[in-house]
Amino acid sequence: MRLIKKEKSKIKKYNFINYESVYKSFRWEDYYRELTFFRKKKLNAAFNAVDRHITTQRKNKIALYFEGADGAKQKYTFLELSMLSNKTANFLRKRNIHKGDRVFIFLPRVPDLYISFLGILKVGAIAGSLFSAFQEQALLDRLGNSGARIVFTNSELGSRIKRVKRQLPKLEEIIYVDDYTYRKELASLPDTTHIAEMDPNDGAFMLYTSGTTGKPKGVVHRHMAILQEHLTAKWVLDIRDDDIYWCTADPGWVTGIAYEILGTLSNGASTVVYEGRFDPTTW
């Protein structure tokens, strides 16, 4: 047997070495340096996930690898995610969406879901992601309780929302992302935007409990949660700049947002999105 000795320079250390020693003196404030803040200690979770990277060497790095259910593949750099979500933000501003408004997303795991989510956060609105398997009653519960003004969906899933829309007086518009009119308007909008500077406790996104023990309850996650998502992706998942990470969770649940969008991208890593259902061979 021949032993091969690795060079020290090629051995990577874990991002998190000793829990006990960190726990003794841990303060969230000590890790604010991991984020980028605006003036007066304001921030934006979408800016930290994507836009701060476009002034670095990560600008043209692939941020999102997508494979559709039909096998089609697409790639998006950090710069492209930034510009496309800026267009979404401008689209929402044209509809007078402002800080605190609820804008929901009811889509399968396709790029529009992730781009829309980031764009909603950029205008200071609160994004709500809905699991694509939800049927009419589940949608009615969540869209009604949240007071959502706009929902992004597609022509296939949107029919479920349309059947309950009359019971949703606050829902002003259903946006079909596969509609030519929407695509044309989005393409005409600028790819730069003003990113809302949010207080740390301002709401960024909201998710609902499963509803198995009663009516689902909405929980709002603040913009400052990006620090927890960033650190746990870095420490617990050991996410690094050169990683390509696949989180199999749907963004309709918290894991899919924390580790398929915000935490992974904030660390400058690439995220993989697969639209299709579970299949051992494909996976």
Protein backbone atom coordinates (compact mmCIF):
# COMPACT_ATOMS: atom_id res chain seq x y z
CA MET A 1 0.00 0.00 0.00
CA ARG A 2 1.32 3.45 -0.91
CA LEU A 3 0.40 6.45 1.23
CA ILE A 4 -0.11 9.74 -0.56
CA LYS A 5 0.60 12.80 1.55
CA LYS A 6 -1.50 15.86 0.72
CA GLU A 7 0.06 19.28 0.63
CA LYS A 8 -1.13 21.44 3.50
CA SER A 9 -2.10 24.25 1.14
CA LYS A 10 -4.63 21.98 -0.60
CA ILE A 11 -6.41 20.84 2.57
CA LYS A 12 -9.52 22.90 3.23
CA LYS A 13 -10.56 23.64 6.77
CA TYR A 14 -14.20 23.52 7.72
CA ASN A 15 -15.97 26.88 8.00
CA PHE A 16 -17.05 25.98 11.54
CA ILE A 17 -14.60 24.16 13.77
CA ASN A 18 -15.71 24.19 17.39
CA TYR A 19 -19.29 24.77 18.50
CA GLU A 20 -18.55 25.05 22.23
CA SER A 21 -15.92 27.76 21.87
CA VAL A 22 -18.10 29.87 19.55
CA TYR A 23 -21.17 29.41 21.74
CA LYS A 24 -19.47 30.82 24.83
CA SER A 25 -18.97 34.26 23.34
CA PHE A 26 -21.44 34.31 20.45
CA ARG A 27 -23.18 37.60 19.62
CA TRP A 28 -25.02 38.24 16.37
CA GLU A 29 -23.55 41.74 16.27
CA ASP A 30 -20.06 40.33 15.88
CA TYR A 31 -21.05 38.90 12.49
CA TYR A 32 -22.65 41.98 10.94
CA ARG A 33 -19.44 42.24 8.95
CA GLU A 34 -20.63 39.24 6.93
CA LEU A 35 -23.34 41.44 5.38
CA THR A 36 -23.47 44.67 3.42
CA PHE A 37 -25.41 47.51 5.02
CA PHE A 38 -26.68 50.77 3.59
CA ARG A 39 -26.51 54.05 5.50
CA LYS A 40 -28.09 54.21 8.97
CA LYS A 41 -27.71 50.42 9.41
CA LYS A 42 -30.38 49.61 6.84
CA LEU A 43 -30.15 46.56 4.57
CA ASN A 44 -32.00 44.46 2.03
CA ALA A 45 -31.93 40.66 1.97
CA ALA A 46 -32.12 40.45 -1.84
CA PHE A 47 -29.25 42.91 -2.21
CA ASN A 48 -27.14 40.79 0.14
CA ALA A 49 -28.02 37.58 -1.65
CA VAL A 50 -27.26 38.81 -5.17
CA ASP A 51 -26.47 42.44 -5.89
CA ARG A 52 -23.48 42.97 -3.62
CA HIS A 53 -21.66 40.31 -5.63
CA ILE A 54 -21.86 42.16 -8.94
CA THR A 55 -19.10 44.59 -7.88
CA THR A 56 -16.77 41.63 -7.21
CA GLN A 57 -15.17 38.82 -9.19
CA ARG A 58 -18.47 36.91 -8.79
CA LYS A 59 -20.24 39.24 -11.23
CA ASN A 60 -20.15 36.77 -14.13
CA LYS A 61 -20.16 33.63 -12.01
CA ILE A 62 -23.10 31.24 -12.44
CA ALA A 63 -25.49 31.85 -9.54
CA LEU A 64 -28.31 29.53 -10.64
CA TYR A 65 -28.25 26.33 -12.66
CA PHE A 66 -31.73 25.29 -13.79
CA GLU A 67 -32.98 22.03 -15.29
CA GLY A 68 -36.60 21.82 -16.33
CA ALA A 69 -38.89 18.83 -16.12
CA ASP A 70 -38.36 18.40 -19.86
CA GLY A 71 -34.58 18.36 -19.47
CA ALA A 72 -34.04 21.91 -20.77
CA LYS A 73 -31.11 23.64 -19.09
CA GLN A 74 -30.50 27.32 -18.32
CA LYS A 75 -27.82 29.25 -16.45
CA TYR A 76 -27.98 32.65 -14.77
CA THR A 77 -25.02 34.67 -13.51
CA PHE A 78 -25.19 36.88 -10.45
CA LEU A 79 -25.33 39.88 -12.79
CA GLU A 80 -28.22 38.37 -14.77
CA LEU A 81 -30.17 37.56 -11.61
CA SER A 82 -29.61 41.12 -10.46
CA MET A 83 -30.82 42.68 -13.71
CA LEU A 84 -33.83 40.39 -14.13
CA SER A 85 -35.01 40.92 -10.55
CA ASN A 86 -34.53 44.67 -11.04
CA LYS A 87 -36.97 44.46 -13.94
CA THR A 88 -39.46 42.67 -11.69
CA ALA A 89 -39.04 45.39 -9.06
CA ASN A 90 -39.76 48.05 -11.70
CA PHE A 91 -42.78 46.07 -12.87
CA LEU A 92 -44.16 46.07 -9.32
CA ARG A 93 -43.50 49.76 -8.80
CA LYS A 94 -45.58 50.52 -11.88
CA ARG A 95 -48.43 48.85 -10.00
CA ASN A 96 -47.85 50.94 -6.87
CA ILE A 97 -46.47 48.08 -4.81
CA HIS A 98 -44.67 49.53 -1.82
CA LYS A 99 -43.11 48.61 1.52
CA GLY A 100 -45.17 46.08 3.44
CA ASP A 101 -47.49 45.10 0.58
CA ARG A 102 -47.95 41.35 0.14
CA VAL A 103 -47.00 39.89 -3.23
CA PHE A 104 -47.29 36.11 -3.58
CA ILE A 105 -45.77 33.55 -5.93
CA PHE A 106 -47.55 30.37 -6.99
CA LEU A 107 -45.17 28.66 -9.38
CA PRO A 108 -43.29 25.38 -9.82
CA ARG A 109 -39.52 25.49 -9.35
CA VAL A 110 -38.76 27.60 -12.42
CA PRO A 111 -36.44 30.62 -12.74
CA ASP A 112 -39.39 33.07 -12.60
CA LEU A 113 -40.04 31.98 -9.02
CA TYR A 114 -36.57 32.97 -7.85
CA ILE A 115 -36.37 36.14 -9.94
CA SER A 116 -39.80 37.30 -8.75
CA PHE A 117 -38.94 36.56 -5.12
CA LEU A 118 -35.82 38.74 -5.28
CA GLY A 119 -37.67 41.51 -7.12
CA ILE A 120 -40.41 41.63 -4.49
CA LEU A 121 -37.85 42.05 -1.71
CA LYS A 122 -36.10 44.81 -3.66
CA VAL A 123 -39.17 47.07 -3.56
CA GLY A 124 -39.65 46.44 0.16
CA ALA A 125 -42.78 44.34 -0.30
CA ILE A 126 -43.25 41.06 1.53
CA ALA A 127 -42.93 37.96 -0.66
CA GLY A 128 -45.08 34.93 -0.06
CA SER A 129 -44.24 31.63 -1.74
CA LEU A 130 -46.93 29.00 -2.23
CA PHE A 131 -46.24 25.29 -2.68
CA SER A 132 -47.22 24.36 -6.23
CA ALA A 133 -49.29 21.38 -5.03
CA PHE A 134 -51.73 23.62 -3.15
CA GLN A 135 -55.35 23.38 -4.22
CA GLU A 136 -58.11 26.00 -4.04
CA GLN A 137 -58.84 25.95 -0.29
CA ALA A 138 -55.17 26.16 0.67
CA LEU A 139 -54.72 29.08 -1.71
CA LEU A 140 -57.84 30.83 -0.43
CA ASP A 141 -56.68 30.52 3.17
CA ARG A 142 -53.24 32.00 2.53
CA LEU A 143 -54.05 34.66 -0.07
CA GLY A 144 -57.06 35.80 1.93
CA ASN A 145 -55.38 35.95 5.31
CA SER A 146 -52.28 37.72 3.97
CA GLY A 147 -54.20 40.32 1.98
CA ALA A 148 -52.00 39.67 -1.06
CA ARG A 149 -52.39 42.37 -3.74
CA ILE A 150 -50.65 40.54 -6.59
CA VAL A 151 -49.78 36.92 -7.28
CA PHE A 152 -47.31 35.60 -9.85
CA THR A 153 -48.31 32.27 -11.36
CA ASN A 154 -48.54 30.51 -14.75
CA SER A 155 -51.41 29.48 -16.99
CA GLU A 156 -51.52 25.94 -15.59
CA LEU A 157 -51.56 26.74 -11.86
CA GLY A 158 -53.36 30.05 -12.21
CA SER A 159 -56.69 28.39 -12.92
CA ARG A 160 -56.85 27.34 -9.25
CA ILE A 161 -56.50 30.95 -8.12
CA LYS A 162 -59.00 32.14 -10.69
CA ARG A 163 -61.64 29.81 -9.23
CA VAL A 164 -61.41 31.52 -5.80
CA LYS A 165 -60.58 35.08 -6.87
CA ARG A 166 -64.11 36.36 -6.20
CA GLN A 167 -63.52 35.51 -2.54
CA LEU A 168 -60.27 37.54 -2.48
CA PRO A 169 -61.29 41.22 -2.57
CA LYS A 170 -57.75 42.47 -1.91
CA LEU A 171 -56.21 40.49 -4.76
CA GLU A 172 -55.88 43.10 -7.52
CA GLU A 173 -54.06 41.18 -10.23
CA ILE A 174 -52.99 37.69 -11.25
CA ILE A 175 -49.75 37.83 -13.26
CA TYR A 176 -49.17 34.92 -15.64
CA VAL A 177 -45.41 34.70 -16.16
CA ASP A 178 -45.81 32.59 -19.32
CA ASP A 179 -48.06 35.21 -20.90
CA TYR A 180 -46.68 37.12 -23.88
CA THR A 181 -48.00 40.46 -22.60
CA TYR A 182 -46.14 40.08 -19.31
CA ARG A 183 -42.94 39.04 -21.06
CA LYS A 184 -43.14 41.99 -23.41
CA GLU A 185 -43.71 44.49 -20.61
CA LEU A 186 -40.91 43.03 -18.50
CA ALA A 187 -38.48 43.19 -21.43
CA SER A 188 -39.26 46.88 -21.95
CA LEU A 189 -38.40 47.87 -18.37
CA PRO A 190 -34.98 49.11 -17.18
CA ASP A 191 -32.64 46.52 -15.68
CA THR A 192 -31.53 48.91 -12.93
CA THR A 193 -33.67 49.93 -9.97
CA HIS A 194 -33.60 51.58 -6.57
CA ILE A 195 -33.31 48.84 -3.95
CA ALA A 196 -35.39 49.62 -0.88
CA GLU A 197 -33.28 50.26 2.21
CA MET A 198 -35.04 48.38 4.97
CA ASP A 199 -34.85 48.44 8.74
CA PRO A 200 -33.52 45.13 10.10
CA ASN A 201 -36.94 44.23 11.55
CA ASP A 202 -38.91 45.05 8.39
CA GLY A 203 -40.65 42.03 6.84
CA ALA A 204 -38.98 40.34 3.86
CA PHE A 205 -41.04 37.21 3.23
CA MET A 206 -43.82 35.24 4.85
CA LEU A 207 -44.69 31.58 5.01
CA TYR A 208 -47.64 29.71 6.40
CA THR A 209 -47.73 26.71 8.68
CA SER A 210 -48.98 23.49 7.12
CA GLY A 211 -52.50 23.78 8.50
CA THR A 212 -52.63 20.18 9.70
CA THR A 213 -53.83 21.20 13.19
CA GLY A 214 -56.04 24.16 12.22
CA LYS A 215 -56.05 27.17 9.94
CA PRO A 216 -52.54 27.86 8.59
CA LYS A 217 -50.78 30.69 10.40
CA GLY A 218 -48.61 33.22 8.58
CA VAL A 219 -45.11 33.89 9.89
CA VAL A 220 -43.23 36.97 8.65
CA HIS A 221 -39.43 36.70 8.38
CA ARG A 222 -37.49 39.93 8.64
CA HIS A 223 -34.72 41.23 6.37
CA MET A 224 -32.15 40.73 9.11
CA ALA A 225 -32.86 36.98 8.92
CA ILE A 226 -30.39 36.99 6.01
CA LEU A 227 -27.63 36.95 8.63
CA GLN A 228 -28.91 33.71 10.16
CA GLU A 229 -29.45 32.19 6.72
CA HIS A 230 -25.97 33.27 5.62
CA LEU A 231 -24.21 31.96 8.72
CA THR A 232 -26.02 28.63 8.91
CA ALA A 233 -25.38 28.00 5.22
CA LYS A 234 -21.72 28.81 5.84
CA TRP A 235 -21.32 26.93 9.12
CA VAL A 236 -23.82 24.06 9.16
CA LEU A 237 -23.81 23.26 5.44
CA ASP A 238 -20.16 24.36 5.07
CA ILE A 239 -21.06 26.30 1.91
CA ARG A 240 -18.06 27.83 0.16
CA ASP A 241 -17.53 30.21 -2.70
CA ASP A 242 -16.62 27.40 -5.12
CA ASP A 243 -19.52 25.12 -4.18
CA ILE A 244 -22.45 24.16 -6.40
CA TYR A 245 -25.25 23.38 -3.95
CA TRP A 246 -28.54 21.61 -4.59
CA CYS A 247 -31.30 22.11 -2.04
CA THR A 248 -34.12 19.74 -2.93
CA ALA A 249 -36.70 21.58 -0.80
CA ASP A 250 -39.45 23.62 -2.45
CA PRO A 251 -39.40 27.40 -1.79
CA GLY A 252 -42.99 27.01 -0.62
CA TRP A 253 -41.34 25.98 2.67
CA VAL A 254 -38.68 27.76 4.71
CA THR A 255 -35.77 25.47 3.83
CA GLY A 256 -36.21 26.22 0.14
CA ILE A 257 -35.97 29.96 0.73
CA ALA A 258 -33.19 29.90 3.32
CA TYR A 259 -30.92 27.46 1.48
CA GLU A 260 -32.04 27.49 -2.14
CA ILE A 261 -32.11 31.27 -2.45
CA LEU A 262 -30.89 33.56 0.32
CA GLY A 263 -28.25 31.73 2.36
CA THR A 264 -26.50 29.94 -0.50
CA LEU A 265 -26.35 32.96 -2.81
CA SER A 266 -25.30 35.25 0.02
CA ASN A 267 -22.20 33.09 0.43
CA GLY A 268 -21.44 33.47 -3.28
CA ALA A 269 -22.08 29.81 -4.05
CA SER A 270 -24.06 28.48 -7.01
CA THR A 271 -27.50 26.98 -6.46
CA VAL A 272 -29.08 24.18 -8.49
CA VAL A 273 -32.81 24.17 -9.26
CA TYR A 274 -34.55 21.09 -10.66
CA GLU A 275 -38.17 21.46 -11.70
CA GLY A 276 -39.11 17.83 -12.14
CA ARG A 277 -40.57 15.34 -9.69
CA PHE A 278 -38.49 12.82 -7.79
CA ASP A 279 -36.84 10.24 -10.00
CA PRO A 280 -33.82 8.23 -8.76
CA THR A 281 -32.09 8.08 -12.13
CA THR A 282 -32.46 11.78 -12.89
CA TRP A 283 -31.45 12.81 -9.38
